[in-house]
Protein backbone atom coordinates (compact mmCIF):
# COMPACT_ATOMS: atom_id res chain seq x y z
CA UNK A 1 42.89 104.46 105.69
CA UNK A 2 44.42 101.63 103.81
CA UNK A 3 43.09 100.28 100.53
CA UNK A 4 42.77 96.45 100.87
CA UNK A 5 42.65 94.14 98.07
CA UNK A 6 42.78 90.35 97.63
CA UNK A 7 46.69 90.51 97.03
CA UNK A 8 47.74 92.68 100.21
CA UNK A 9 44.81 91.36 102.52
CA UNK A 10 46.85 88.65 104.33
CA UNK A 11 49.93 91.03 104.70
CA UNK A 12 48.09 94.09 105.70
CA UNK A 13 45.41 92.65 107.99
CA UNK A 14 46.29 89.10 109.00
CA UNK A 15 49.99 89.98 109.41
CA UNK A 16 49.36 93.12 111.35
CA UNK A 17 50.76 93.34 114.95
CA UNK A 18 47.98 95.83 115.79
CA UNK A 19 44.25 95.66 115.43
CA UNK A 20 42.74 96.26 112.00
CA UNK A 21 39.07 97.20 111.20
CA UNK A 22 38.02 96.07 107.84
CA UNK A 23 35.28 97.84 106.08
CA UNK A 24 33.60 95.68 103.33
CA UNK A 25 31.81 98.22 101.14
CA UNK A 26 30.65 98.80 97.64
CA UNK A 27 29.96 101.83 95.34
CA UNK A 28 26.31 100.98 95.06
CA UNK A 29 25.88 100.82 98.90
CA UNK A 30 24.17 103.95 100.54
CA UNK A 31 25.11 102.76 104.13
CA UNK A 32 28.78 102.35 103.10
CA UNK A 33 28.71 106.01 101.94
CA UNK A 34 27.05 107.14 105.09
CA UNK A 35 29.73 105.32 107.47
CA UNK A 36 32.84 106.24 105.49
CA UNK A 37 33.53 109.62 107.05
CA UNK A 38 32.55 108.11 110.41
CA UNK A 39 35.32 105.52 110.14
CA UNK A 40 37.90 108.22 109.15
CA UNK A 41 37.04 110.00 112.25
CA UNK A 42 37.26 106.95 114.35
CA UNK A 43 40.69 106.23 112.92
CA UNK A 44 41.85 109.75 113.43
CA UNK A 45 40.70 109.72 117.02
CA UNK A 46 41.72 106.49 118.16
CA UNK A 47 44.71 105.27 115.99
CA UNK A 48 42.97 102.23 114.93
CA UNK A 49 43.95 101.12 111.48
CA UNK A 50 40.96 101.06 109.17
CA UNK A 51 41.19 99.20 105.79
CA UNK A 52 38.58 99.42 103.06
CA UNK A 53 37.95 96.46 100.85
CA UNK A 54 35.80 96.84 97.79
CA UNK A 55 33.56 94.08 98.07
CA UNK A 56 32.68 93.76 94.25
CA UNK A 57 36.36 93.78 93.30
CA UNK A 58 37.49 91.15 95.80
CA UNK A 59 34.89 88.43 96.13
CA UNK A 60 37.36 85.90 97.31
CA UNK A 61 37.97 87.80 100.53
CA UNK A 62 34.14 88.45 101.09
CA UNK A 63 33.41 84.58 100.73
CA UNK A 64 36.37 83.73 103.01
CA UNK A 65 34.67 85.66 105.89
CA UNK A 66 31.17 85.01 104.80
CA UNK A 67 30.06 88.51 104.53
CA UNK A 68 26.55 88.68 103.33
CA UNK A 69 25.41 92.13 103.77
CA UNK A 70 27.06 95.68 103.39
CA UNK A 71 28.36 97.53 105.12
CA UNK A 72 30.09 94.75 107.32
CA UNK A 73 32.86 95.77 109.69
CA UNK A 74 35.23 93.22 110.91
CA UNK A 75 37.82 93.91 113.44
CA UNK A 76 40.84 91.78 113.27
CA UNK A 77 43.19 91.07 116.19
CA UNK A 78 46.32 88.85 115.85
CA UNK A 79 45.05 87.96 112.40
CA UNK A 80 41.60 86.67 113.59
CA UNK A 81 38.22 88.37 113.41
CA UNK A 82 37.11 89.21 116.88
CA UNK A 83 34.09 91.50 116.27
CA UNK A 84 31.74 91.95 113.42
CA UNK A 85 29.45 94.93 112.86
CA UNK A 86 26.58 94.66 110.16
CA UNK A 87 24.91 97.75 108.89
CA UNK A 88 25.53 101.48 109.10
CA UNK A 89 25.37 102.78 112.71
CA UNK A 90 26.02 106.05 114.31
CA UNK A 91 29.58 106.82 115.47
CA UNK A 92 28.84 106.50 119.25
CA UNK A 93 27.31 102.95 118.66
CA UNK A 94 30.16 102.04 116.41
CA UNK A 95 32.70 103.09 119.17
CA UNK A 96 30.78 101.06 121.78
CA UNK A 97 30.52 97.94 119.76
CA UNK A 98 34.33 98.12 118.75
CA UNK A 99 35.16 98.37 122.46
CA UNK A 100 36.59 102.00 121.99
CA UNK A 101 34.17 103.86 124.06
């Protein structure tokens, strides 16, 4: 899992030649803590790059993509968001919604 910031977001996500799943999270968000280990499993099992962005610390990125609730997952392909998942969901459902199941 990579740690994303406002400083490295464009390079790590938009400039990536493979899909990147961005997890918009915050320390105070219980759902964010619930899905963190699930995202680690998905990354290990599929090879999908997962990046975590602390929404409280990097509000400019949150605003850029109109994230209004946490956790929000955005799947980027070729620098563009192609899928959005809002809220904590079970692994099976996340895999299906990401097109990995």
